[in-house]
Every structure is written in C-alpha cells, then in structure tokens.
PDB file of N, CA and C in Angstrom:
ATOM      1  N   MET A   1     -14.745 -26.454  17.161  1.00  0.00           N
ATOM      2  CA  MET A   1     -14.602 -27.739  17.789  1.00  0.00           C
ATOM      3  C   MET A   1     -15.691 -28.698  17.325  1.00  0.00           C
ATOM      4  N   LYS A   2     -16.910 -28.233  17.260  1.00  0.00           N
ATOM      5  CA  LYS A   2     -17.990 -29.122  16.847  1.00  0.00           C
ATOM      6  C   LYS A   2     -17.828 -29.539  15.394  1.00  0.00           C
ATOM      7  N   ASP A   3     -17.406 -28.617  14.529  1.00  0.00           N
ATOM      8  CA  ASP A   3     -17.161 -28.974  13.130  1.00  0.00           C
ATOM      9  C   ASP A   3     -16.023 -29.984  13.028  1.00  0.00           C
ATOM     10  N   THR A   4     -14.989 -29.813  13.837  1.00  0.00           N
ATOM     11  CA  THR A   4     -13.861 -30.746  13.816  1.00  0.00           C
ATOM     12  C   THR A   4     -14.304 -32.125  14.287  1.00  0.00           C
ATOM     13  N   ALA A   5     -15.047 -32.172  15.384  1.00  0.00           N
ATOM     14  CA  ALA A   5     -15.541 -33.456  15.886  1.00  0.00           C
ATOM     15  C   ALA A   5     -16.450 -34.119  14.853  1.00  0.00           C
ATOM     16  N   ALA A   6     -17.320 -33.339  14.233  1.00  0.00           N
ATOM     17  CA  ALA A   6     -18.196 -33.888  13.190  1.00  0.00           C
ATOM     18  C   ALA A   6     -17.366 -34.405  12.013  1.00  0.00           C
ATOM     19  N   GLY A   7     -16.274 -33.732  11.702  1.00  0.00           N
ATOM     20  CA  GLY A   7     -15.382 -34.186  10.639  1.00  0.00           C
ATOM     21  C   GLY A   7     -14.747 -35.523  10.968  1.00  0.00           C
ATOM     22  N   PHE A   8     -14.271 -35.679  12.206  1.00  0.00           N
ATOM     23  CA  PHE A   8     -13.691 -36.956  12.623  1.00  0.00           C
ATOM     24  C   PHE A   8     -14.719 -38.083  12.509  1.00  0.00           C
ATOM     25  N   ILE A   9     -15.937 -37.805  12.924  1.00  0.00           N
ATOM     26  CA  ILE A   9     -16.992 -38.815  12.845  1.00  0.00           C
ATOM     27  C   ILE A   9     -17.293 -39.149  11.391  1.00  0.00           C
ATOM     28  N   ALA A  10     -17.410 -38.138  10.545  1.00  0.00           N
ATOM     29  CA  ALA A  10     -17.691 -38.367   9.124  1.00  0.00           C
ATOM     30  C   ALA A  10     -16.587 -39.202   8.472  1.00  0.00           C
ATOM     31  N   ILE A  11     -15.347 -38.923   8.808  1.00  0.00           N
ATOM     32  CA  ILE A  11     -14.218 -39.695   8.270  1.00  0.00           C
ATOM     33  C   ILE A  11     -14.285 -41.141   8.759  1.00  0.00           C
ATOM     34  N   ALA A  12     -14.560 -41.327  10.046  1.00  0.00           N
ATOM     35  CA  ALA A  12     -14.628 -42.680  10.608  1.00  0.00           C
ATOM     36  C   ALA A  12     -15.755 -43.494   9.981  1.00  0.00           C
ATOM     37  N   GLU A  13     -16.808 -42.826   9.570  1.00  0.00           N
ATOM     38  CA  GLU A  13     -17.961 -43.526   8.989  1.00  0.00           C
ATOM     39  C   GLU A  13     -17.837 -43.744   7.482  1.00  0.00           C
ATOM     40  N   SER A  14     -16.818 -43.203   6.856  1.00  0.00           N
ATOM     41  CA  SER A  14     -16.673 -43.280   5.406  1.00  0.00           C
ATOM     42  C   SER A  14     -15.709 -44.398   4.996  1.00  0.00           C
ATOM     43  N   GLU A  15     -16.199 -45.353   4.256  1.00  0.00           N
ATOM     44  CA  GLU A  15     -15.354 -46.430   3.729  1.00  0.00           C
ATOM     45  C   GLU A  15     -14.288 -45.867   2.791  1.00  0.00           C
ATOM     46  N   GLN A  16     -14.639 -44.852   1.996  1.00  0.00           N
ATOM     47  CA  GLN A  16     -13.690 -44.271   1.038  1.00  0.00           C
ATOM     48  C   GLN A  16     -12.541 -43.545   1.731  1.00  0.00           C
ATOM     49  N   ALA A  17     -12.730 -43.158   2.991  1.00  0.00           N
ATOM     50  CA  ALA A  17     -11.706 -42.389   3.706  1.00  0.00           C
ATOM     51  C   ALA A  17     -10.618 -43.277   4.315  1.00  0.00           C
ATOM     52  N   ILE A  18     -10.813 -44.582   4.311  1.00  0.00           N
ATOM     53  CA  ILE A  18      -9.840 -45.487   4.928  1.00  0.00           C
ATOM     54  C   ILE A  18      -8.485 -45.325   4.243  1.00  0.00           C
ATOM     55  N   GLY A  19      -7.465 -45.067   5.046  1.00  0.00           N
ATOM     56  CA  GLY A  19      -6.102 -44.923   4.548  1.00  0.00           C
ATOM     57  C   GLY A  19      -5.781 -43.577   3.924  1.00  0.00           C
ATOM     58  N   GLU A  20      -6.720 -42.668   3.902  1.00  0.00           N
ATOM     59  CA  GLU A  20      -6.521 -41.354   3.282  1.00  0.00           C
ATOM     60  C   GLU A  20      -6.075 -40.329   4.315  1.00  0.00           C
ATOM     61  N   GLU A  21      -5.267 -39.393   3.873  1.00  0.00           N
ATOM     62  CA  GLU A  21      -4.930 -38.220   4.689  1.00  0.00           C
ATOM     63  C   GLU A  21      -5.941 -37.146   4.335  1.00  0.00           C
ATOM     64  N   ILE A  22      -6.680 -36.673   5.330  1.00  0.00           N
ATOM     65  CA  ILE A  22      -7.799 -35.771   5.064  1.00  0.00           C
ATOM     66  C   ILE A  22      -7.748 -34.572   5.991  1.00  0.00           C
ATOM     67  N   ASN A  23      -7.850 -33.387   5.422  1.00  0.00           N
ATOM     68  CA  ASN A  23      -7.955 -32.159   6.206  1.00  0.00           C
ATOM     69  C   ASN A  23      -9.409 -31.919   6.590  1.00  0.00           C
ATOM     70  N   ILE A  24      -9.623 -31.492   7.808  1.00  0.00           N
ATOM     71  CA  ILE A  24     -10.918 -30.957   8.228  1.00  0.00           C
ATOM     72  C   ILE A  24     -10.671 -29.457   8.297  1.00  0.00           C
ATOM     73  N   ALA A  25     -11.103 -28.754   7.281  1.00  0.00           N
ATOM     74  CA  ALA A  25     -10.701 -27.351   7.148  1.00  0.00           C
ATOM     75  C   ALA A  25     -11.825 -26.511   6.568  1.00  0.00           C
ATOM     76  N   THR A  26     -11.701 -25.217   6.739  1.00  0.00           N
ATOM     77  CA  THR A  26     -12.699 -24.275   6.234  1.00  0.00           C
ATOM     78  C   THR A  26     -12.301 -23.625   4.923  1.00  0.00           C
ATOM     79  N   GLN A  27     -11.043 -23.829   4.525  1.00  0.00           N
ATOM     80  CA  GLN A  27     -10.478 -23.162   3.356  1.00  0.00           C
ATOM     81  C   GLN A  27     -10.393 -21.649   3.561  1.00  0.00           C
ATOM     82  N   GLN A  28     -10.255 -21.259   4.813  1.00  0.00           N
ATOM     83  CA  GLN A  28     -10.049 -19.861   5.168  1.00  0.00           C
ATOM     84  C   GLN A  28      -8.905 -19.815   6.165  1.00  0.00           C
ATOM     85  N   GLU A  29      -8.067 -18.807   6.067  1.00  0.00           N
ATOM     86  CA  GLU A  29      -6.994 -18.676   7.037  1.00  0.00           C
ATOM     87  C   GLU A  29      -7.289 -17.508   7.969  1.00  0.00           C
ATOM     88  N   ILE A  30      -6.700 -17.576   9.152  1.00  0.00           N
ATOM     89  CA  ILE A  30      -6.836 -16.481  10.107  1.00  0.00           C
ATOM     90  C   ILE A  30      -5.510 -16.325  10.836  1.00  0.00           C
ATOM     91  N   SER A  31      -5.091 -15.112  10.991  1.00  0.00           N
ATOM     92  CA  SER A  31      -3.835 -14.859  11.696  1.00  0.00           C
ATOM     93  C   SER A  31      -4.079 -14.905  13.199  1.00  0.00           C
ATOM     94  N   ILE A  32      -2.993 -15.060  13.946  1.00  0.00           N
ATOM     95  CA  ILE A  32      -3.095 -15.022  15.405  1.00  0.00           C
ATOM     96  C   ILE A  32      -3.625 -13.652  15.842  1.00  0.00           C
ATOM     97  N   GLY A  33      -3.191 -12.607  15.156  1.00  0.00           N
ATOM     98  CA  GLY A  33      -3.681 -11.262  15.473  1.00  0.00           C
ATOM     99  C   GLY A  33      -5.178 -11.138  15.267  1.00  0.00           C
ATOM    100  N   ASP A  34      -5.691 -11.684  14.162  1.00  0.00           N
ATOM    101  CA  ASP A  34      -7.136 -11.645  13.904  1.00  0.00           C
ATOM    102  C   ASP A  34      -7.899 -12.497  14.913  1.00  0.00           C
ATOM    103  N   LEU A  35      -7.321 -13.632  15.293  1.00  0.00           N
ATOM    104  CA  LEU A  35      -7.927 -14.464  16.331  1.00  0.00           C
ATOM    105  C   LEU A  35      -8.033 -13.675  17.631  1.00  0.00           C
ATOM    106  N   ALA A  36      -6.937 -13.050  18.015  1.00  0.00           N
ATOM    107  CA  ALA A  36      -6.934 -12.259  19.244  1.00  0.00           C
ATOM    108  C   ALA A  36      -7.950 -11.122  19.174  1.00  0.00           C
ATOM    109  N   GLN A  37      -8.038 -10.456  18.036  1.00  0.00           N
ATOM    110  CA  GLN A  37      -8.992  -9.350  17.886  1.00  0.00           C
ATOM    111  C   GLN A  37     -10.440  -9.841  18.009  1.00  0.00           C
ATOM    112  N   GLU A  38     -10.740 -11.028  17.474  1.00  0.00           N
ATOM    113  CA  GLU A  38     -12.097 -11.580  17.593  1.00  0.00           C
ATOM    114  C   GLU A  38     -12.417 -11.900  19.047  1.00  0.00           C
ATOM    115  N   ILE A  39     -11.469 -12.482  19.748  1.00  0.00           N
ATOM    116  CA  ILE A  39     -11.680 -12.788  21.169  1.00  0.00           C
ATOM    117  C   ILE A  39     -11.879 -11.498  21.959  1.00  0.00           C
ATOM    118  N   ILE A  40     -11.052 -10.504  21.694  1.00  0.00           N
ATOM    119  CA  ILE A  40     -11.196  -9.209  22.366  1.00  0.00           C
ATOM    120  C   ILE A  40     -12.570  -8.602  22.073  1.00  0.00           C
ATOM    121  N   ALA A  41     -12.989  -8.637  20.819  1.00  0.00           N
ATOM    122  CA  ALA A  41     -14.288  -8.062  20.434  1.00  0.00           C
ATOM    123  C   ALA A  41     -15.431  -8.730  21.191  1.00  0.00           C
ATOM    124  N   GLN A  42     -15.313 -10.027  21.424  1.00  0.00           N
ATOM    125  CA  GLN A  42     -16.397 -10.752  22.092  1.00  0.00           C
ATOM    126  C   GLN A  42     -16.339 -10.675  23.616  1.00  0.00           C
ATOM    127  N   ILE A  43     -15.156 -10.483  24.167  1.00  0.00           N
ATOM    128  CA  ILE A  43     -15.033 -10.468  25.630  1.00  0.00           C
ATOM    129  C   ILE A  43     -14.971  -9.062  26.201  1.00  0.00           C
ATOM    130  N   ASN A  44     -14.088  -8.232  25.637  1.00  0.00           N
ATOM    131  CA  ASN A  44     -13.883  -6.884  26.170  1.00  0.00           C
ATOM    132  C   ASN A  44     -13.343  -5.982  25.068  1.00  0.00           C
ATOM    133  N   PRO A  45     -14.221  -5.342  24.305  1.00  0.00           N
ATOM    134  CA  PRO A  45     -13.775  -4.520  23.176  1.00  0.00           C
ATOM    135  C   PRO A  45     -12.805  -3.395  23.548  1.00  0.00           C
ATOM    136  N   LYS A  46     -12.720  -3.045  24.806  1.00  0.00           N
ATOM    137  CA  LYS A  46     -11.790  -1.994  25.225  1.00  0.00           C
ATOM    138  C   LYS A  46     -10.377  -2.528  25.464  1.00  0.00           C
ATOM    139  N   ALA A  47     -10.211  -3.842  25.490  1.00  0.00           N
ATOM    140  CA  ALA A  47      -8.892  -4.440  25.751  1.00  0.00           C
ATOM    141  C   ALA A  47      -7.957  -4.179  24.583  1.00  0.00           C
ATOM    142  N   ARG A  48      -6.688  -4.174  24.864  1.00  0.00           N
ATOM    143  CA  ARG A  48      -5.658  -3.969  23.851  1.00  0.00           C
ATOM    144  C   ARG A  48      -4.598  -5.044  23.986  1.00  0.00           C
ATOM    145  N   ILE A  49      -3.982  -5.413  22.896  1.00  0.00           N
ATOM    146  CA  ILE A  49      -2.913  -6.414  22.901  1.00  0.00           C
ATOM    147  C   ILE A  49      -1.610  -5.745  23.319  1.00  0.00           C
ATOM    148  N   VAL A  50      -0.919  -6.366  24.262  1.00  0.00           N
ATOM    149  CA  VAL A  50       0.387  -5.896  24.713  1.00  0.00           C
ATOM    150  C   VAL A  50       1.385  -6.991  24.346  1.00  0.00           C
ATOM    151  N   CYS A  51       2.420  -6.611  23.630  1.00  0.00           N
ATOM    152  CA  CYS A  51       3.413  -7.572  23.156  1.00  0.00           C
ATOM    153  C   CYS A  51       4.539  -7.704  24.178  1.00  0.00           C
ATOM    154  N   ASP A  52       4.849  -8.928  24.581  1.00  0.00           N
ATOM    155  CA  ASP A  52       5.949  -9.213  25.504  1.00  0.00           C
ATOM    156  C   ASP A  52       7.105  -9.758  24.669  1.00  0.00           C
ATOM    157  N   GLU A  53       8.177  -9.027  24.581  1.00  0.00           N
ATOM    158  CA  GLU A  53       9.328  -9.410  23.760  1.00  0.00           C
ATOM    159  C   GLU A  53       9.834 -10.816  24.104  1.00  0.00           C
ATOM    160  N   GLN A  54       9.726 -11.214  25.355  1.00  0.00           N
ATOM    161  CA  GLN A  54      10.183 -12.522  25.803  1.00  0.00           C
ATOM    162  C   GLN A  54       9.398 -13.648  25.127  1.00  0.00           C
ATOM    163  N   ARG A  55       8.159 -13.358  24.751  1.00  0.00           N
ATOM    164  CA  ARG A  55       7.293 -14.384  24.177  1.00  0.00           C
ATOM    165  C   ARG A  55       7.328 -14.420  22.651  1.00  0.00           C
ATOM    166  N   LEU A  56       8.022 -13.484  22.022  1.00  0.00           N
ATOM    167  CA  LEU A  56       8.114 -13.478  20.567  1.00  0.00           C
ATOM    168  C   LEU A  56       9.012 -14.610  20.096  1.00  0.00           C
ATOM    169  N   ARG A  57       8.589 -15.286  19.049  1.00  0.00           N
ATOM    170  CA  ARG A  57       9.394 -16.366  18.494  1.00  0.00           C
ATOM    171  C   ARG A  57      10.263 -15.829  17.372  1.00  0.00           C
ATOM    172  N   PRO A  58      11.416 -16.440  17.171  1.00  0.00           N
ATOM    173  CA  PRO A  58      12.261 -16.010  16.055  1.00  0.00           C
ATOM    174  C   PRO A  58      11.493 -16.107  14.733  1.00  0.00           C
ATOM    175  N   GLU A  59      11.729 -15.155  13.863  1.00  0.00           N
ATOM    176  CA  GLU A  59      10.955 -15.042  12.624  1.00  0.00           C
ATOM    177  C   GLU A  59      10.939 -16.321  11.794  1.00  0.00           C
ATOM    178  N   LYS A  60      12.058 -17.018  11.694  1.00  0.00           N
ATOM    179  CA  LYS A  60      12.129 -18.203  10.843  1.00  0.00           C
ATOM    180  C   LYS A  60      11.829 -19.503  11.592  1.00  0.00           C
ATOM    181  N   SER A  61      11.331 -19.419  12.819  1.00  0.00           N
ATOM    182  CA  SER A  61      11.083 -20.625  13.608  1.00  0.00           C
ATOM    183  C   SER A  61       9.672 -21.178  13.432  1.00  0.00           C
ATOM    184  N   GLU A  62       8.820 -20.443  12.801  1.00  0.00           N
ATOM    185  CA  GLU A  62       7.424 -20.841  12.705  1.00  0.00           C
ATOM    186  C   GLU A  62       6.919 -20.785  11.274  1.00  0.00           C
ATOM    187  N   VAL A  63       5.864 -21.546  11.016  1.00  0.00           N
ATOM    188  CA  VAL A  63       5.137 -21.427   9.758  1.00  0.00           C
ATOM    189  C   VAL A  63       4.285 -20.171   9.888  1.00  0.00           C
ATOM    190  N   ASN A  64       4.388 -19.273   8.939  1.00  0.00           N
ATOM    191  CA  ASN A  64       3.664 -18.008   9.045  1.00  0.00           C
ATOM    192  C   ASN A  64       2.205 -18.104   8.608  1.00  0.00           C
ATOM    193  N   ARG A  65       1.907 -19.035   7.718  1.00  0.00           N
ATOM    194  CA  ARG A  65       0.531 -19.141   7.229  1.00  0.00           C
ATOM    195  C   ARG A  65       0.165 -20.599   7.050  1.00  0.00           C
ATOM    196  N   LEU A  66      -1.056 -20.940   7.412  1.00  0.00           N
ATOM    197  CA  LEU A  66      -1.603 -22.268   7.185  1.00  0.00           C
ATOM    198  C   LEU A  66      -2.983 -22.114   6.554  1.00  0.00           C
ATOM    199  N   LEU A  67      -3.229 -22.898   5.538  1.00  0.00           N
ATOM    200  CA  LEU A  67      -4.531 -22.863   4.876  1.00  0.00           C
ATOM    201  C   LEU A  67      -4.880 -24.285   4.471  1.00  0.00           C
ATOM    202  N   GLY A  68      -5.843 -24.876   5.150  1.00  0.00           N
ATOM    203  CA  GLY A  68      -6.234 -26.248   4.866  1.00  0.00           C
ATOM    204  C   GLY A  68      -7.302 -26.314   3.791  1.00  0.00           C
ATOM    205  N   ALA A  69      -7.155 -27.278   2.902  1.00  0.00           N
ATOM    206  CA  ALA A  69      -8.139 -27.508   1.841  1.00  0.00           C
ATOM    207  C   ALA A  69      -9.142 -28.559   2.310  1.00  0.00           C
ATOM    208  N   ASN A  70     -10.406 -28.381   1.969  1.00  0.00           N
ATOM    209  CA  ASN A  70     -11.419 -29.338   2.404  1.00  0.00           C
ATOM    210  C   ASN A  70     -12.074 -30.112   1.259  1.00  0.00           C
ATOM    211  N   ALA A  71     -11.508 -30.048   0.074  1.00  0.00           N
ATOM    212  CA  ALA A  71     -12.110 -30.738  -1.073  1.00  0.00           C
ATOM    213  C   ALA A  71     -12.193 -32.241  -0.845  1.00  0.00           C
ATOM    214  N   LYS A  72     -11.156 -32.833  -0.243  1.00  0.00           N
ATOM    215  CA  LYS A  72     -11.140 -34.281  -0.067  1.00  0.00           C
ATOM    216  C   LYS A  72     -12.202 -34.737   0.932  1.00  0.00           C
ATOM    217  N   ILE A  73     -12.316 -34.041   2.065  1.00  0.00           N
ATOM    218  CA  ILE A  73     -13.325 -34.463   3.044  1.00  0.00           C
ATOM    219  C   ILE A  73     -14.733 -34.311   2.467  1.00  0.00           C
ATOM    220  N   LYS A  74     -14.937 -33.288   1.666  1.00  0.00           N
ATOM    221  CA  LYS A  74     -16.253 -33.101   1.055  1.00  0.00           C
ATOM    222  C   LYS A  74     -16.533 -34.170   0.000  1.00  0.00           C
ATOM    223  N   ALA A  75     -15.496 -34.614  -0.704  1.00  0.00           N
ATOM    224  CA  ALA A  75     -15.672 -35.642  -1.733  1.00  0.00           C
ATOM    225  C   ALA A  75     -15.898 -37.030  -1.127  1.00  0.00           C
ATOM    226  N   LEU A  76     -15.269 -37.302   0.020  1.00  0.00           N
ATOM    227  CA  LEU A  76     -15.320 -38.644   0.589  1.00  0.00           C
ATOM    228  C   LEU A  76     -16.351 -38.821   1.695  1.00  0.00           C
ATOM    229  N   THR A  77     -16.919 -37.715   2.187  1.00  0.00           N
ATOM    230  CA  THR A  77     -17.894 -37.789   3.281  1.00  0.00           C
ATOM    231  C   THR A  77     -19.030 -36.801   3.004  1.00  0.00           C
ATOM    232  N   LYS A  78     -19.950 -36.748   3.942  1.00  0.00           N
ATOM    233  CA  LYS A  78     -21.044 -35.771   3.855  1.00  0.00           C
ATOM    234  C   LYS A  78     -20.784 -34.570   4.767  1.00  0.00           C
ATOM    235  N   TRP A  79     -19.541 -34.424   5.234  1.00  0.00           N
ATOM    236  CA  TRP A  79     -19.205 -33.335   6.155  1.00  0.00           C
ATOM    237  C   TRP A  79     -19.371 -31.974   5.489  1.00  0.00           C
ATOM    238  N   GLU A  80     -19.920 -31.044   6.239  1.00  0.00           N
ATOM    239  CA  GLU A  80     -20.035 -29.636   5.837  1.00  0.00           C
ATOM    240  C   GLU A  80     -19.755 -28.774   7.057  1.00  0.00           C
ATOM    241  N   GLN A  81     -19.070 -27.686   6.865  1.00  0.00           N
ATOM    242  CA  GLN A  81     -18.872 -26.722   7.943  1.00  0.00           C
ATOM    243  C   GLN A  81     -20.226 -26.134   8.318  1.00  0.00           C
ATOM    244  N   LYS A  82     -20.526 -26.086   9.622  1.00  0.00           N
ATOM    245  CA  LYS A  82     -21.798 -25.545  10.096  1.00  0.00           C
ATOM    246  C   LYS A  82     -21.635 -24.278  10.923  1.00  0.00           C
ATOM    247  N   TYR A  83     -20.425 -24.065  11.445  1.00  0.00           N
ATOM    248  CA  TYR A  83     -20.201 -22.938  12.334  1.00  0.00           C
ATOM    249  C   TYR A  83     -19.253 -21.933  11.697  1.00  0.00           C
ATOM    250  N   THR A  84     -19.530 -20.662  11.909  1.00  0.00           N
ATOM    251  CA  THR A  84     -18.595 -19.632  11.478  1.00  0.00           C
ATOM    252  C   THR A  84     -17.484 -19.539  12.525  1.00  0.00           C
ATOM    253  N   PHE A  85     -16.428 -18.866  12.155  1.00  0.00           N
ATOM    254  CA  PHE A  85     -15.323 -18.648  13.089  1.00  0.00           C
ATOM    255  C   PHE A  85     -15.832 -17.923  14.341  1.00  0.00           C
ATOM    256  N   ALA A  86     -16.601 -16.856  14.143  1.00  0.00           N
ATOM    257  CA  ALA A  86     -17.116 -16.076  15.273  1.00  0.00           C
ATOM    258  C   ALA A  86     -18.020 -16.925  16.173  1.00  0.00           C
ATOM    259  N   GLN A  87     -18.840 -17.800  15.591  1.00  0.00           N
ATOM    260  CA  GLN A  87     -19.695 -18.679  16.392  1.00  0.00           C
ATOM    261  C   GLN A  87     -18.852 -19.644  17.227  1.00  0.00           C
ATOM    262  N   GLY A  88     -17.820 -20.198  16.616  1.00  0.00           N
ATOM    263  CA  GLY A  88     -16.948 -21.120  17.338  1.00  0.00           C
ATOM    264  C   GLY A  88     -16.256 -20.448  18.512  1.00  0.00           C
ATOM    265  N   ILE A  89     -15.784 -19.218  18.286  1.00  0.00           N
ATOM    266  CA  ILE A  89     -15.142 -18.471  19.373  1.00  0.00           C
ATOM    267  C   ILE A  89     -16.158 -18.188  20.482  1.00  0.00           C
ATOM    268  N   ALA A  90     -17.373 -17.798  20.116  1.00  0.00           N
ATOM    269  CA  ALA A  90     -18.409 -17.498  21.113  1.00  0.00           C
ATOM    270  C   ALA A  90     -18.719 -18.731  21.957  1.00  0.00           C
ATOM    271  N   GLU A  91     -18.841 -19.896  21.332  1.00  0.00           N
ATOM    272  CA  GLU A  91     -19.114 -21.120  22.088  1.00  0.00           C
ATOM    273  C   GLU A  91     -17.929 -21.494  22.976  1.00  0.00           C
ATOM    274  N   THR A  92     -16.724 -21.290  22.486  1.00  0.00           N
ATOM    275  CA  THR A  92     -15.530 -21.591  23.284  1.00  0.00           C
ATOM    276  C   THR A  92     -15.467 -20.671  24.499  1.00  0.00           C
ATOM    277  N   ILE A  93     -15.747 -19.389  24.305  1.00  0.00           N
ATOM    278  CA  ILE A  93     -15.751 -18.429  25.417  1.00  0.00           C
ATOM    279  C   ILE A  93     -16.797 -18.835  26.450  1.00  0.00           C
ATOM    280  N   ALA A  94     -17.985 -19.190  25.988  1.00  0.00           N
ATOM    281  CA  ALA A  94     -19.055 -19.608  26.913  1.00  0.00           C
ATOM    282  C   ALA A  94     -18.623 -20.840  27.706  1.00  0.00           C
ATOM    283  N   TRP A  95     -17.997 -21.800  27.035  1.00  0.00           N
ATOM    284  CA  TRP A  95     -17.540 -22.998  27.726  1.00  0.00           C
ATOM    285  C   TRP A  95     -16.468 -22.652  28.751  1.00  0.00           C
ATOM    286  N   MET A  96     -15.514 -21.827  28.356  1.00  0.00           N
ATOM    287  CA  MET A  96     -14.445 -21.430  29.274  1.00  0.00           C
ATOM    288  C   MET A  96     -15.009 -20.710  30.495  1.00  0.00           C
ATOM    289  N   ARG A  97     -15.964 -19.840  30.284  1.00  0.00           N
ATOM    290  CA  ARG A  97     -16.561 -19.117  31.418  1.00  0.00           C
ATOM    291  C   ARG A  97     -17.206 -20.079  32.406  1.00  0.00           C
ATOM    292  N   GLY A  98     -17.778 -21.144  31.899  1.00  0.00           N
ATOM    293  CA  GLY A  98     -18.422 -22.123  32.767  1.00  0.00           C
ATOM    294  C   GLY A  98     -17.461 -23.114  33.399  1.00  0.00           C
ATOM    295  N   ASN A  99     -16.205 -23.093  32.990  1.00  0.00           N
ATOM    296  CA  ASN A  99     -15.242 -24.087  33.470  1.00  0.00           C
ATOM    297  C   ASN A  99     -13.941 -23.475  33.977  1.00  0.00           C
ATOM    298  N   MET A 100     -13.948 -22.211  34.318  1.00  0.00           N
ATOM    299  CA  MET A 100     -12.719 -21.535  34.738  1.00  0.00           C
ATOM    300  C   MET A 100     -12.118 -22.125  36.011  1.00  0.00           C
ATOM    301  N   GLY A 101     -12.919 -22.765  36.834  1.00  0.00           N
ATOM    302  CA  GLY A 101     -12.406 -23.370  38.054  1.00  0.00           C
ATOM    303  C   GLY A 101     -11.381 -24.463  37.795  1.00  0.00           C
ATOM    304  N   ALA A 102     -11.362 -24.998  36.593  1.00  0.00           N
ATOM    305  CA  ALA A 102     -10.428 -26.076  36.245  1.00  0.00           C
ATOM    306  C   ALA A 102      -9.087 -25.548  35.747  1.00  0.00           C
ATOM    307  N   TYR A 103      -8.934 -24.217  35.647  1.00  0.00           N
ATOM    308  CA  TYR A 103      -7.721 -23.622  35.091  1.00  0.00           C
ATOM    309  C   TYR A 103      -6.983 -22.784  36.114  1.00  0.00           C
ATOM    310  N   LYS A 104      -5.658 -22.727  35.966  1.00  0.00           N
ATOM    311  CA  LYS A 104      -4.811 -21.903  36.820  1.00  0.00           C
ATOM    312  C   LYS A 104      -4.597 -20.569  36.105  1.00  0.00           C
ATOM    313  N   ALA A 105      -5.646 -19.783  36.045  1.00  0.00           N
ATOM    314  CA  ALA A 105      -5.605 -18.524  35.278  1.00  0.00           C
ATOM    315  C   ALA A 105      -4.668 -17.479  35.889  1.00  0.00           C
ATOM    316  N   ASP A 106      -4.307 -17.659  37.151  1.00  0.00           N
ATOM    317  CA  ASP A 106      -3.456 -16.680  37.818  1.00  0.00           C
ATOM    318  C   ASP A 106      -1.952 -16.964  37.638  1.00  0.00           C
ATOM    319  N   ILE A 107      -1.627 -18.048  36.938  1.00  0.00           N
ATOM    320  CA  ILE A 107      -0.221 -18.429  36.737  1.00  0.00           C
ATOM    321  C   ILE A 107       0.178 -18.111  35.297  1.00  0.00           C
ATOM    322  N   TYR A 108       1.306 -17.414  35.129  1.00  0.00           N
ATOM    323  CA  TYR A 108       1.823 -17.076  33.803  1.00  0.00           C
ATOM    324  C   TYR A 108       2.884 -18.107  33.436  1.00  0.00           C
ATOM    325  N   ASN A 109       2.582 -18.949  32.472  1.00  0.00           N
ATOM    326  CA  ASN A 109       3.516 -19.993  32.047  1.00  0.00           C
ATOM    327  C   ASN A 109       4.267 -19.534  30.806  1.00  0.00           C
ATOM    328  N   VAL A 110       5.595 -19.648  30.844  1.00  0.00           N
ATOM    329  CA  VAL A 110       6.409 -19.286  29.691  1.00  0.00           C
ATOM    330  C   VAL A 110       6.937 -20.550  29.062  1.00  0.00           C
TER     331      VAL A 110
END
C-alpha cells in the first residue's frame, strides 16, 4: 500500500507522466495461493486452506496471471519499490489487528 501510494504521488508530481498510462508494479507475480500461504505463515502457521466449492469461479471466467511492468514509472519518475511482499503483508496484518472493530468479521458474504 505504501509503495502504491508513493507511486501515485510520484506520478502526480511528474510532468512527463501527464497523459500516460503507468503501472505501479514490482515486476513480480504472486498467486492467490501464495498470498494465502504468506498470510497463514504470518498469522497462524498451523492453519490450512479449506476450499469451498460454492466459492470457486469457473475456469475461463478469470485472468489466471497478472504481471505488471514498472519500466515506465521508473523512467518517468523517481519511484522505487521500498517494501517486500512479506513486509507489506505484515503491515497490513498489523493495521487490520488494530482496526478489527470496523469490520463484520462474523458475517460470511458470498
């Protein structure tokens, strides 16, 4: 989140970025499974993923892989990635723990 916000600021401050389509990206991809495993590792390493068939999306309904290039943002701004994926997840978890009162964690939304 902080890298993304810094990217938006860098783009807004760059005259060369006006009118350009620019990715704020790490040039690394991560699957939903790997994301879930990182969250599990940081919160409760004993937890396991349980798949609910009702929540599975049809195979051809989604983009299976996304990989953003960051060459343009680096060429047009001074933006640099400062946080690793694991650091970003850790900060997000810490924020969520401090703000759980704002969420309906007991409700399962489909």
